[in-house]
């Protein structure tokens, strides 16, 4: 049985509507699925309905942004009720913060002679599927390409939107501790997303994992798509050393983008999988 606990729809920065993402996952053999859009659960009702219609095991999911060690960290939550009050309050604050970030990106790019990028990014976003959430950097990248300011999406990130570039606007996200607390208060299982994506030294990464556990985290994402095999090995060692559950997912954003849904490197068989815990909760089936 293929499990995918990390993917994105048009509710955040993916290119497929939630129901279409679920259909694609099912076609590729996925039977346990969590849609984990960035800082929103907007797409979950549609995805849940589609998954249950296909007889898939449905798990509610979300990927929340937070701050630790001066960097933006992503934390995955699973198995919560969609109307959980602590989570809804946190999502509303994140929703507002993402709109402020989009407006600031627009201002910065306009100052460099590229006006109208927020409206353009919003049009790209709505072309994929209507969403009340703020357009994300991939939407801005697509518009910059369409407007002729960059030759392709990669150039948009390399010149304007990538880490440390003009459009890499830092938000005042909540702390790691507060984010884990929010998810735990909502009854969620909590996993640290792609720990090697952050530009940390080995000692700082270990400190991150230690503080994540102290805050109440349950698991780390040992496998994220087709990351190098040596990275899976490094994260497996961390999971064993700290006694954490292991999660895995494709981090799918759309066809031809980050990799295919349901496709990721094998996880070592000795690691306790987070999704085995989901089967203990009949509300998730």
C-alpha atoms as a PDB file:
ATOM      1  CA  UNK A   1       0.000   0.000   0.000  1.00  0.00           C
ATOM      2  CA  UNK A   2       1.377   3.388  -1.017  1.00  0.00           C
ATOM      3  CA  UNK A   3       1.136   6.155   1.571  1.00  0.00           C
ATOM      4  CA  UNK A   4       1.668   9.848   0.769  1.00  0.00           C
ATOM      5  CA  UNK A   5       1.669  12.279   3.693  1.00  0.00           C
ATOM      6  CA  UNK A   6       2.940  15.397   1.916  1.00  0.00           C
ATOM      7  CA  UNK A   7       1.370  17.059  -1.119  1.00  0.00           C
ATOM      8  CA  UNK A   8      -0.071  20.400  -2.206  1.00  0.00           C
ATOM      9  CA  UNK A   9      -3.120  21.542  -4.159  1.00  0.00           C
ATOM     10  CA  UNK A  10      -4.349  24.822  -5.621  1.00  0.00           C
ATOM     11  CA  UNK A  11      -5.456  25.793  -2.104  1.00  0.00           C
ATOM     12  CA  UNK A  12      -1.804  26.795  -1.602  1.00  0.00           C
ATOM     13  CA  UNK A  13       0.991  26.506  -4.175  1.00  0.00           C
ATOM     14  CA  UNK A  14       0.068  23.328  -6.057  1.00  0.00           C
ATOM     15  CA  UNK A  15      -1.264  23.194  -9.605  1.00  0.00           C
ATOM     16  CA  UNK A  16      -4.066  20.610  -9.231  1.00  0.00           C
ATOM     17  CA  UNK A  17      -7.439  21.122  -7.573  1.00  0.00           C
ATOM     18  CA  UNK A  18      -7.866  18.949  -4.455  1.00  0.00           C
ATOM     19  CA  UNK A  19     -10.222  16.452  -6.120  1.00  0.00           C
ATOM     20  CA  UNK A  20      -7.922  16.151  -9.143  1.00  0.00           C
ATOM     21  CA  UNK A  21      -4.902  15.602  -6.901  1.00  0.00           C
ATOM     22  CA  UNK A  22      -6.768  12.802  -5.097  1.00  0.00           C
ATOM     23  CA  UNK A  23      -7.732  11.173  -8.405  1.00  0.00           C
ATOM     24  CA  UNK A  24      -4.121  11.313  -9.602  1.00  0.00           C
ATOM     25  CA  UNK A  25      -2.925   9.819  -6.317  1.00  0.00           C
ATOM     26  CA  UNK A  26      -5.414   6.958  -6.590  1.00  0.00           C
ATOM     27  CA  UNK A  27      -4.393   6.244 -10.189  1.00  0.00           C
ATOM     28  CA  UNK A  28      -0.787   5.907  -9.004  1.00  0.00           C
ATOM     29  CA  UNK A  29      -1.604   3.440  -6.265  1.00  0.00           C
ATOM     30  CA  UNK A  30      -1.808   5.760  -3.230  1.00  0.00           C
ATOM     31  CA  UNK A  31      -4.255   4.348  -0.690  1.00  0.00           C
ATOM     32  CA  UNK A  32      -3.497   6.495   2.380  1.00  0.00           C
ATOM     33  CA  UNK A  33      -3.350  10.210   1.638  1.00  0.00           C
ATOM     34  CA  UNK A  34      -2.893  13.486   3.498  1.00  0.00           C
ATOM     35  CA  UNK A  35      -3.228  16.776   1.641  1.00  0.00           C
ATOM     36  CA  UNK A  36      -0.861  19.198   3.405  1.00  0.00           C
ATOM     37  CA  UNK A  37      -1.305  22.643   1.925  1.00  0.00           C
ATOM     38  CA  UNK A  38       0.699  25.550   3.309  1.00  0.00           C
ATOM     39  CA  UNK A  39      -1.059  27.318   6.180  1.00  0.00           C
ATOM     40  CA  UNK A  40      -4.580  26.400   5.065  1.00  0.00           C
ATOM     41  CA  UNK A  41      -7.129  23.604   5.273  1.00  0.00           C
ATOM     42  CA  UNK A  42      -9.292  25.162   2.563  1.00  0.00           C
ATOM     43  CA  UNK A  43      -8.870  22.205   0.197  1.00  0.00           C
ATOM     44  CA  UNK A  44      -9.478  19.448   2.747  1.00  0.00           C
ATOM     45  CA  UNK A  45     -13.287  19.028   2.518  1.00  0.00           C
ATOM     46  CA  UNK A  46     -13.116  18.575  -1.264  1.00  0.00           C
ATOM     47  CA  UNK A  47     -10.146  16.222  -1.029  1.00  0.00           C
ATOM     48  CA  UNK A  48     -11.734  14.208   1.794  1.00  0.00           C
ATOM     49  CA  UNK A  49     -14.932  13.708  -0.188  1.00  0.00           C
ATOM     50  CA  UNK A  50     -12.988  12.586  -3.255  1.00  0.00           C
ATOM     51  CA  UNK A  51     -10.777  10.212  -1.246  1.00  0.00           C
ATOM     52  CA  UNK A  52     -13.681   8.586   0.553  1.00  0.00           C
ATOM     53  CA  UNK A  53     -15.513   8.181  -2.740  1.00  0.00           C
ATOM     54  CA  UNK A  54     -12.551   6.148  -4.013  1.00  0.00           C
ATOM     55  CA  UNK A  55     -12.262   4.083  -0.834  1.00  0.00           C
ATOM     56  CA  UNK A  56      -8.937   5.618   0.195  1.00  0.00           C
ATOM     57  CA  UNK A  57      -7.865   6.093   3.798  1.00  0.00           C
ATOM     58  CA  UNK A  58      -8.191   9.810   4.407  1.00  0.00           C
ATOM     59  CA  UNK A  59      -6.003  11.716   6.883  1.00  0.00           C
ATOM     60  CA  UNK A  60      -6.469  15.434   7.504  1.00  0.00           C
ATOM     61  CA  UNK A  61      -3.223  17.338   7.017  1.00  0.00           C
ATOM     62  CA  UNK A  62      -1.601  20.766   6.945  1.00  0.00           C
ATOM     63  CA  UNK A  63       1.904  22.249   6.643  1.00  0.00           C
ATOM     64  CA  UNK A  64       2.369  25.207   8.984  1.00  0.00           C
ATOM     65  CA  UNK A  65       5.056  27.900   8.768  1.00  0.00           C
ATOM     66  CA  UNK A  66       6.935  28.908  11.913  1.00  0.00           C
ATOM     67  CA  UNK A  67      10.221  30.414  13.069  1.00  0.00           C
ATOM     68  CA  UNK A  68      13.111  28.710  14.818  1.00  0.00           C
ATOM     69  CA  UNK A  69      16.730  29.815  14.960  1.00  0.00           C
ATOM     70  CA  UNK A  70      16.055  32.795  12.706  1.00  0.00           C
ATOM     71  CA  UNK A  71      14.790  30.568   9.868  1.00  0.00           C
ATOM     72  CA  UNK A  72      11.369  29.618   8.536  1.00  0.00           C
ATOM     73  CA  UNK A  73      10.577  26.024   9.485  1.00  0.00           C
ATOM     74  CA  UNK A  74       7.697  23.876   8.244  1.00  0.00           C
ATOM     75  CA  UNK A  75       5.766  21.558  10.542  1.00  0.00           C
ATOM     76  CA  UNK A  76       3.264  18.956   9.339  1.00  0.00           C
ATOM     77  CA  UNK A  77       0.118  18.124  11.311  1.00  0.00           C
ATOM     78  CA  UNK A  78      -2.145  15.103  10.788  1.00  0.00           C
ATOM     79  CA  UNK A  79      -5.395  13.627  12.025  1.00  0.00           C
ATOM     80  CA  UNK A  80      -7.046  16.717  13.486  1.00  0.00           C
ATOM     81  CA  UNK A  81     -10.688  17.776  13.279  1.00  0.00           C
ATOM     82  CA  UNK A  82     -11.099  20.438  10.597  1.00  0.00           C
ATOM     83  CA  UNK A  83     -13.043  22.694  12.970  1.00  0.00           C
ATOM     84  CA  UNK A  84     -10.544  22.439  15.860  1.00  0.00           C
ATOM     85  CA  UNK A  85     -10.606  25.907  17.455  1.00  0.00           C
ATOM     86  CA  UNK A  86      -6.851  26.246  18.229  1.00  0.00           C
ATOM     87  CA  UNK A  87      -5.947  25.392  14.649  1.00  0.00           C
ATOM     88  CA  UNK A  88      -8.587  27.661  13.122  1.00  0.00           C
ATOM     89  CA  UNK A  89      -7.317  30.643  15.134  1.00  0.00           C
ATOM     90  CA  UNK A  90      -3.721  29.991  14.076  1.00  0.00           C
ATOM     91  CA  UNK A  91      -4.712  29.569  10.426  1.00  0.00           C
ATOM     92  CA  UNK A  92      -6.534  32.883  10.406  1.00  0.00           C
ATOM     93  CA  UNK A  93      -3.391  34.672  11.605  1.00  0.00           C
ATOM     94  CA  UNK A  94      -1.284  32.861   9.009  1.00  0.00           C
ATOM     95  CA  UNK A  95      -3.822  33.727   6.302  1.00  0.00           C
ATOM     96  CA  UNK A  96      -3.477  37.423   7.093  1.00  0.00           C
ATOM     97  CA  UNK A  97       0.309  37.156   7.270  1.00  0.00           C
ATOM     98  CA  UNK A  98       0.521  35.545   3.846  1.00  0.00           C
ATOM     99  CA  UNK A  99      -1.516  38.361   2.287  1.00  0.00           C
ATOM    100  CA  UNK A 100       0.790  40.931   3.884  1.00  0.00           C
ATOM    101  CA  UNK A 101       3.765  39.031   2.491  1.00  0.00           C
ATOM    102  CA  UNK A 102       2.267  38.968  -1.014  1.00  0.00           C
ATOM    103  CA  UNK A 103       1.639  42.711  -0.863  1.00  0.00           C
ATOM    104  CA  UNK A 104       5.236  43.338   0.201  1.00  0.00           C
ATOM    105  CA  UNK A 105       6.585  41.172  -2.637  1.00  0.00           C
ATOM    106  CA  UNK A 106       4.446  43.240  -5.018  1.00  0.00           C
ATOM    107  CA  UNK A 107       5.865  46.515  -3.642  1.00  0.00           C
ATOM    108  CA  UNK A 108       9.455  45.326  -3.866  1.00  0.00           C
ATOM    109  CA  UNK A 109       9.141  44.070  -7.426  1.00  0.00           C
ATOM    110  CA  UNK A 110       7.334  47.252  -8.492  1.00  0.00           C
ATOM    111  CA  UNK A 111      10.275  49.276  -7.147  1.00  0.00           C
ATOM    112  CA  UNK A 112      12.486  47.302  -9.549  1.00  0.00           C
ATOM    113  CA  UNK A 113      10.331  48.180 -12.546  1.00  0.00           C
ATOM    114  CA  UNK A 114       7.928  45.226 -12.460  1.00  0.00           C
ATOM    115  CA  UNK A 115       4.520  46.657 -11.508  1.00  0.00           C
ATOM    116  CA  UNK A 116       1.311  44.705 -11.070  1.00  0.00           C
ATOM    117  CA  UNK A 117       2.853  41.437  -9.964  1.00  0.00           C
ATOM    118  CA  UNK A 118       0.328  40.761  -7.187  1.00  0.00           C
ATOM    119  CA  UNK A 119      -2.587  41.112  -9.596  1.00  0.00           C
ATOM    120  CA  UNK A 120      -0.715  38.977 -12.107  1.00  0.00           C
ATOM    121  CA  UNK A 121       0.129  36.292  -9.547  1.00  0.00           C
ATOM    122  CA  UNK A 122      -3.478  36.304  -8.370  1.00  0.00           C
ATOM    123  CA  UNK A 123      -4.651  35.769 -11.947  1.00  0.00           C
ATOM    124  CA  UNK A 124      -2.272  32.820 -12.292  1.00  0.00           C
ATOM    125  CA  UNK A 125      -3.588  31.399  -9.041  1.00  0.00           C
ATOM    126  CA  UNK A 126      -7.230  31.784 -10.022  1.00  0.00           C
ATOM    127  CA  UNK A 127      -6.525  30.264 -13.397  1.00  0.00           C
ATOM    128  CA  UNK A 128      -5.537  27.080 -11.601  1.00  0.00           C
ATOM    129  CA  UNK A 129      -8.573  27.125  -9.311  1.00  0.00           C
ATOM    130  CA  UNK A 130     -10.201  29.771  -7.185  1.00  0.00           C
ATOM    131  CA  UNK A 131      -8.752  30.235  -3.716  1.00  0.00           C
ATOM    132  CA  UNK A 132      -9.213  32.913  -1.080  1.00  0.00           C
ATOM    133  CA  UNK A 133      -5.609  32.462   0.021  1.00  0.00           C
ATOM    134  CA  UNK A 134      -2.760  34.769  -0.959  1.00  0.00           C
ATOM    135  CA  UNK A 135      -0.737  33.852  -4.045  1.00  0.00           C
ATOM    136  CA  UNK A 136       2.583  32.231  -3.194  1.00  0.00           C
ATOM    137  CA  UNK A 137       6.024  32.700  -4.728  1.00  0.00           C
ATOM    138  CA  UNK A 138       5.447  30.046  -7.432  1.00  0.00           C
ATOM    139  CA  UNK A 139       2.463  32.103  -8.634  1.00  0.00           C
ATOM    140  CA  UNK A 140       4.637  35.221  -8.756  1.00  0.00           C
ATOM    141  CA  UNK A 141       7.312  33.258 -10.629  1.00  0.00           C
ATOM    142  CA  UNK A 142       4.819  32.098 -13.234  1.00  0.00           C
ATOM    143  CA  UNK A 143       3.564  35.653 -13.761  1.00  0.00           C
ATOM    144  CA  UNK A 144       7.090  37.076 -14.072  1.00  0.00           C
ATOM    145  CA  UNK A 145       7.704  34.527 -16.826  1.00  0.00           C
ATOM    146  CA  UNK A 146       4.395  35.303 -18.568  1.00  0.00           C
ATOM    147  CA  UNK A 147       5.115  39.037 -18.407  1.00  0.00           C
ATOM    148  CA  UNK A 148       8.508  38.513 -20.024  1.00  0.00           C
ATOM    149  CA  UNK A 149      10.602  39.725 -17.110  1.00  0.00           C
ATOM    150  CA  UNK A 150      12.338  36.348 -16.760  1.00  0.00           C
ATOM    151  CA  UNK A 151      12.840  33.501 -19.253  1.00  0.00           C
ATOM    152  CA  UNK A 152      11.487  30.765 -16.970  1.00  0.00           C
ATOM    153  CA  UNK A 153      10.347  29.939 -13.430  1.00  0.00           C
ATOM    154  CA  UNK A 154      13.825  28.903 -12.303  1.00  0.00           C
ATOM    155  CA  UNK A 155      15.205  32.288 -13.331  1.00  0.00           C
ATOM    156  CA  UNK A 156      12.429  34.007 -11.381  1.00  0.00           C
ATOM    157  CA  UNK A 157      13.601  32.310  -8.212  1.00  0.00           C
ATOM    158  CA  UNK A 158      17.306  32.730  -8.981  1.00  0.00           C
ATOM    159  CA  UNK A 159      16.971  36.459  -9.647  1.00  0.00           C
ATOM    160  CA  UNK A 160      14.052  37.657  -7.534  1.00  0.00           C
ATOM    161  CA  UNK A 161      12.170  35.163  -5.381  1.00  0.00           C
ATOM    162  CA  UNK A 162      14.599  32.579  -4.011  1.00  0.00           C
ATOM    163  CA  UNK A 163      16.192  32.467  -0.581  1.00  0.00           C
ATOM    164  CA  UNK A 164      17.945  35.729   0.195  1.00  0.00           C
ATOM    165  CA  UNK A 165      16.587  37.491  -2.900  1.00  0.00           C
ATOM    166  CA  UNK A 166      14.453  40.627  -3.038  1.00  0.00           C
ATOM    167  CA  UNK A 167      11.173  38.725  -3.062  1.00  0.00           C
ATOM    168  CA  UNK A 168      12.109  36.428  -0.190  1.00  0.00           C
ATOM    169  CA  UNK A 169       9.969  38.362   2.278  1.00  0.00           C
ATOM    170  CA  UNK A 170      10.258  37.150   5.855  1.00  0.00           C
ATOM    171  CA  UNK A 171       7.044  37.021   7.819  1.00  0.00           C
ATOM    172  CA  UNK A 172       6.579  37.170  11.564  1.00  0.00           C
ATOM    173  CA  UNK A 173       5.517  33.549  11.767  1.00  0.00           C
ATOM    174  CA  UNK A 174       4.746  31.998  15.187  1.00  0.00           C
ATOM    175  CA  UNK A 175       7.482  30.119  17.004  1.00  0.00           C
ATOM    176  CA  UNK A 176       8.137  26.422  16.560  1.00  0.00           C
ATOM    177  CA  UNK A 177       6.989  25.790  20.127  1.00  0.00           C
ATOM    178  CA  UNK A 178       3.722  27.684  19.609  1.00  0.00           C
ATOM    179  CA  UNK A 179       3.045  25.892  16.311  1.00  0.00           C
ATOM    180  CA  UNK A 180       3.570  22.424  17.755  1.00  0.00           C
ATOM    181  CA  UNK A 181       1.376  23.410  20.712  1.00  0.00           C
ATOM    182  CA  UNK A 182      -1.372  24.543  18.324  1.00  0.00           C
ATOM    183  CA  UNK A 183      -1.323  21.236  16.486  1.00  0.00           C
ATOM    184  CA  UNK A 184      -1.208  19.163  19.672  1.00  0.00           C
ATOM    185  CA  UNK A 185      -4.119  21.196  21.067  1.00  0.00           C
ATOM    186  CA  UNK A 186      -6.062  20.279  17.935  1.00  0.00           C
ATOM    187  CA  UNK A 187      -5.363  16.585  18.552  1.00  0.00           C
ATOM    188  CA  UNK A 188      -2.870  16.257  15.700  1.00  0.00           C
ATOM    189  CA  UNK A 189       0.122  14.029  15.146  1.00  0.00           C
ATOM    190  CA  UNK A 190       3.074  16.341  14.454  1.00  0.00           C
ATOM    191  CA  UNK A 191       6.027  15.826  12.102  1.00  0.00           C
ATOM    192  CA  UNK A 192       9.001  18.059  11.290  1.00  0.00           C
ATOM    193  CA  UNK A 193       8.999  18.597   7.521  1.00  0.00           C
ATOM    194  CA  UNK A 194      12.140  17.972   5.406  1.00  0.00           C
ATOM    195  CA  UNK A 195      14.760  18.705   8.128  1.00  0.00           C
ATOM    196  CA  UNK A 196      17.615  18.855   5.603  1.00  0.00           C
ATOM    197  CA  UNK A 197      16.001  21.644   3.563  1.00  0.00           C
ATOM    198  CA  UNK A 198      17.128  24.163   6.159  1.00  0.00           C
ATOM    199  CA  UNK A 199      20.659  25.479   5.785  1.00  0.00           C
ATOM    200  CA  UNK A 200      21.779  24.354   9.254  1.00  0.00           C
ATOM    201  CA  UNK A 201      24.970  22.851  10.571  1.00  0.00           C
ATOM    202  CA  UNK A 202      24.757  19.328  11.952  1.00  0.00           C
ATOM    203  CA  UNK A 203      24.757  20.610  15.541  1.00  0.00           C
ATOM    204  CA  UNK A 204      22.051  23.203  14.851  1.00  0.00           C
ATOM    205  CA  UNK A 205      19.899  20.569  13.145  1.00  0.00           C
ATOM    206  CA  UNK A 206      20.218  18.304  16.165  1.00  0.00           C
ATOM    207  CA  UNK A 207      19.230  21.208  18.391  1.00  0.00           C
ATOM    208  CA  UNK A 208      16.184  21.816  16.196  1.00  0.00           C
ATOM    209  CA  UNK A 209      15.112  18.189  16.529  1.00  0.00           C
ATOM    210  CA  UNK A 210      15.671  18.269  20.290  1.00  0.00           C
ATOM    211  CA  UNK A 211      13.551  21.385  20.763  1.00  0.00           C
ATOM    212  CA  UNK A 212      10.902  20.008  18.410  1.00  0.00           C
ATOM    213  CA  UNK A 213      10.602  16.955  20.683  1.00  0.00           C
ATOM    214  CA  UNK A 214      10.507  19.127  23.808  1.00  0.00           C
ATOM    215  CA  UNK A 215       7.657  21.094  22.242  1.00  0.00           C
ATOM    216  CA  UNK A 216       5.693  17.870  21.720  1.00  0.00           C
ATOM    217  CA  UNK A 217       6.614  16.691  18.219  1.00  0.00           C
ATOM    218  CA  UNK A 218       6.120  13.044  17.306  1.00  0.00           C
ATOM    219  CA  UNK A 219       7.983  12.407  14.035  1.00  0.00           C
ATOM    220  CA  UNK A 220      10.382  13.692  11.411  1.00  0.00           C
ATOM    221  CA  UNK A 221       9.959  13.456   7.662  1.00  0.00           C
ATOM    222  CA  UNK A 222      12.678  10.948   6.851  1.00  0.00           C
ATOM    223  CA  UNK A 223      11.786  10.769   3.161  1.00  0.00           C
ATOM    224  CA  UNK A 224      10.758  13.770   1.048  1.00  0.00           C
ATOM    225  CA  UNK A 225      10.269  12.848  -2.598  1.00  0.00           C
ATOM    226  CA  UNK A 226      13.354  11.753  -4.519  1.00  0.00           C
ATOM    227  CA  UNK A 227      15.876  13.348  -2.169  1.00  0.00           C
ATOM    228  CA  UNK A 228      19.371  11.799  -2.302  1.00  0.00           C
ATOM    229  CA  UNK A 229      19.667   8.406  -0.632  1.00  0.00           C
ATOM    230  CA  UNK A 230      22.376   9.697   1.714  1.00  0.00           C
ATOM    231  CA  UNK A 231      19.909  12.247   3.078  1.00  0.00           C
ATOM    232  CA  UNK A 232      17.460   9.468   3.878  1.00  0.00           C
ATOM    233  CA  UNK A 233      20.299   7.775   5.734  1.00  0.00           C
ATOM    234  CA  UNK A 234      21.148  10.914   7.708  1.00  0.00           C
ATOM    235  CA  UNK A 235      17.539  11.468   8.747  1.00  0.00           C
ATOM    236  CA  UNK A 236      17.067   7.800   9.594  1.00  0.00           C
ATOM    237  CA  UNK A 237      19.956   8.059  12.041  1.00  0.00           C
ATOM    238  CA  UNK A 238      18.309  11.096  13.652  1.00  0.00           C
ATOM    239  CA  UNK A 239      14.974   9.289  13.932  1.00  0.00           C
ATOM    240  CA  UNK A 240      16.598   6.287  15.609  1.00  0.00           C
ATOM    241  CA  UNK A 241      18.738   8.361  17.953  1.00  0.00           C
ATOM    242  CA  UNK A 242      15.873  10.556  19.144  1.00  0.00           C
ATOM    243  CA  UNK A 243      13.268   7.767  19.196  1.00  0.00           C
ATOM    244  CA  UNK A 244      10.984   9.495  16.689  1.00  0.00           C
ATOM    245  CA  UNK A 245       8.330   8.121  14.398  1.00  0.00           C
ATOM    246  CA  UNK A 246       9.117   8.491  10.694  1.00  0.00           C
ATOM    247  CA  UNK A 247       6.945  10.088   8.025  1.00  0.00           C
ATOM    248  CA  UNK A 248       7.283  10.159   4.243  1.00  0.00           C
ATOM    249  CA  UNK A 249       5.721  11.889   1.277  1.00  0.00           C
ATOM    250  CA  UNK A 250       6.273  13.072  -2.264  1.00  0.00           C
ATOM    251  CA  UNK A 251       5.935  16.816  -1.568  1.00  0.00           C
ATOM    252  CA  UNK A 252       3.988  16.836  -4.844  1.00  0.00           C
ATOM    253  CA  UNK A 253       3.084  20.283  -6.221  1.00  0.00           C
ATOM    254  CA  UNK A 254       1.922  19.351  -9.697  1.00  0.00           C
ATOM    255  CA  UNK A 255       2.792  17.337 -12.796  1.00  0.00           C
ATOM    256  CA  UNK A 256       6.346  17.999 -13.925  1.00  0.00           C
ATOM    257  CA  UNK A 257       7.257  20.150 -10.925  1.00  0.00           C
ATOM    258  CA  UNK A 258       8.644  18.581  -7.739  1.00  0.00           C
ATOM    259  CA  UNK A 259       8.158  14.914  -8.553  1.00  0.00           C
ATOM    260  CA  UNK A 260       5.195  12.594  -8.849  1.00  0.00           C
ATOM    261  CA  UNK A 261       2.584  11.977  -6.182  1.00  0.00           C
ATOM    262  CA  UNK A 262       3.055   8.690  -4.361  1.00  0.00           C
ATOM    263  CA  UNK A 263       6.688   8.528  -5.480  1.00  0.00           C
ATOM    264  CA  UNK A 264       9.541   8.818  -2.991  1.00  0.00           C
ATOM    265  CA  UNK A 265      12.612   6.893  -1.929  1.00  0.00           C
ATOM    266  CA  UNK A 266      12.058   3.808   0.252  1.00  0.00           C
ATOM    267  CA  UNK A 267      12.088   4.337   3.994  1.00  0.00           C
ATOM    268  CA  UNK A 268      14.224   1.960   6.089  1.00  0.00           C
ATOM    269  CA  UNK A 269      12.079  -0.901   7.337  1.00  0.00           C
ATOM    270  CA  UNK A 270      13.279  -0.661  10.938  1.00  0.00           C
ATOM    271  CA  UNK A 271      11.801   2.813  11.442  1.00  0.00           C
ATOM    272  CA  UNK A 272       8.324   3.030  13.040  1.00  0.00           C
ATOM    273  CA  UNK A 273       6.041   4.681  10.457  1.00  0.00           C
ATOM    274  CA  UNK A 274       3.843   7.522  11.614  1.00  0.00           C
ATOM    275  CA  UNK A 275       0.960   6.317   9.445  1.00  0.00           C
ATOM    276  CA  UNK A 276       0.674   3.077  11.420  1.00  0.00           C
ATOM    277  CA  UNK A 277      -0.696   5.215  14.255  1.00  0.00           C
ATOM    278  CA  UNK A 278      -3.458   6.551  12.015  1.00  0.00           C
ATOM    279  CA  UNK A 279      -5.034   3.108  11.761  1.00  0.00           C
ATOM    280  CA  UNK A 280      -5.682   3.237  15.492  1.00  0.00           C
ATOM    281  CA  UNK A 281      -8.089   6.148  14.973  1.00  0.00           C
ATOM    282  CA  UNK A 282     -11.258   5.045  13.202  1.00  0.00           C
ATOM    283  CA  UNK A 283     -12.225   8.669  12.584  1.00  0.00           C
ATOM    284  CA  UNK A 284      -9.497   8.850   9.954  1.00  0.00           C
ATOM    285  CA  UNK A 285     -10.784   6.018   7.794  1.00  0.00           C
END
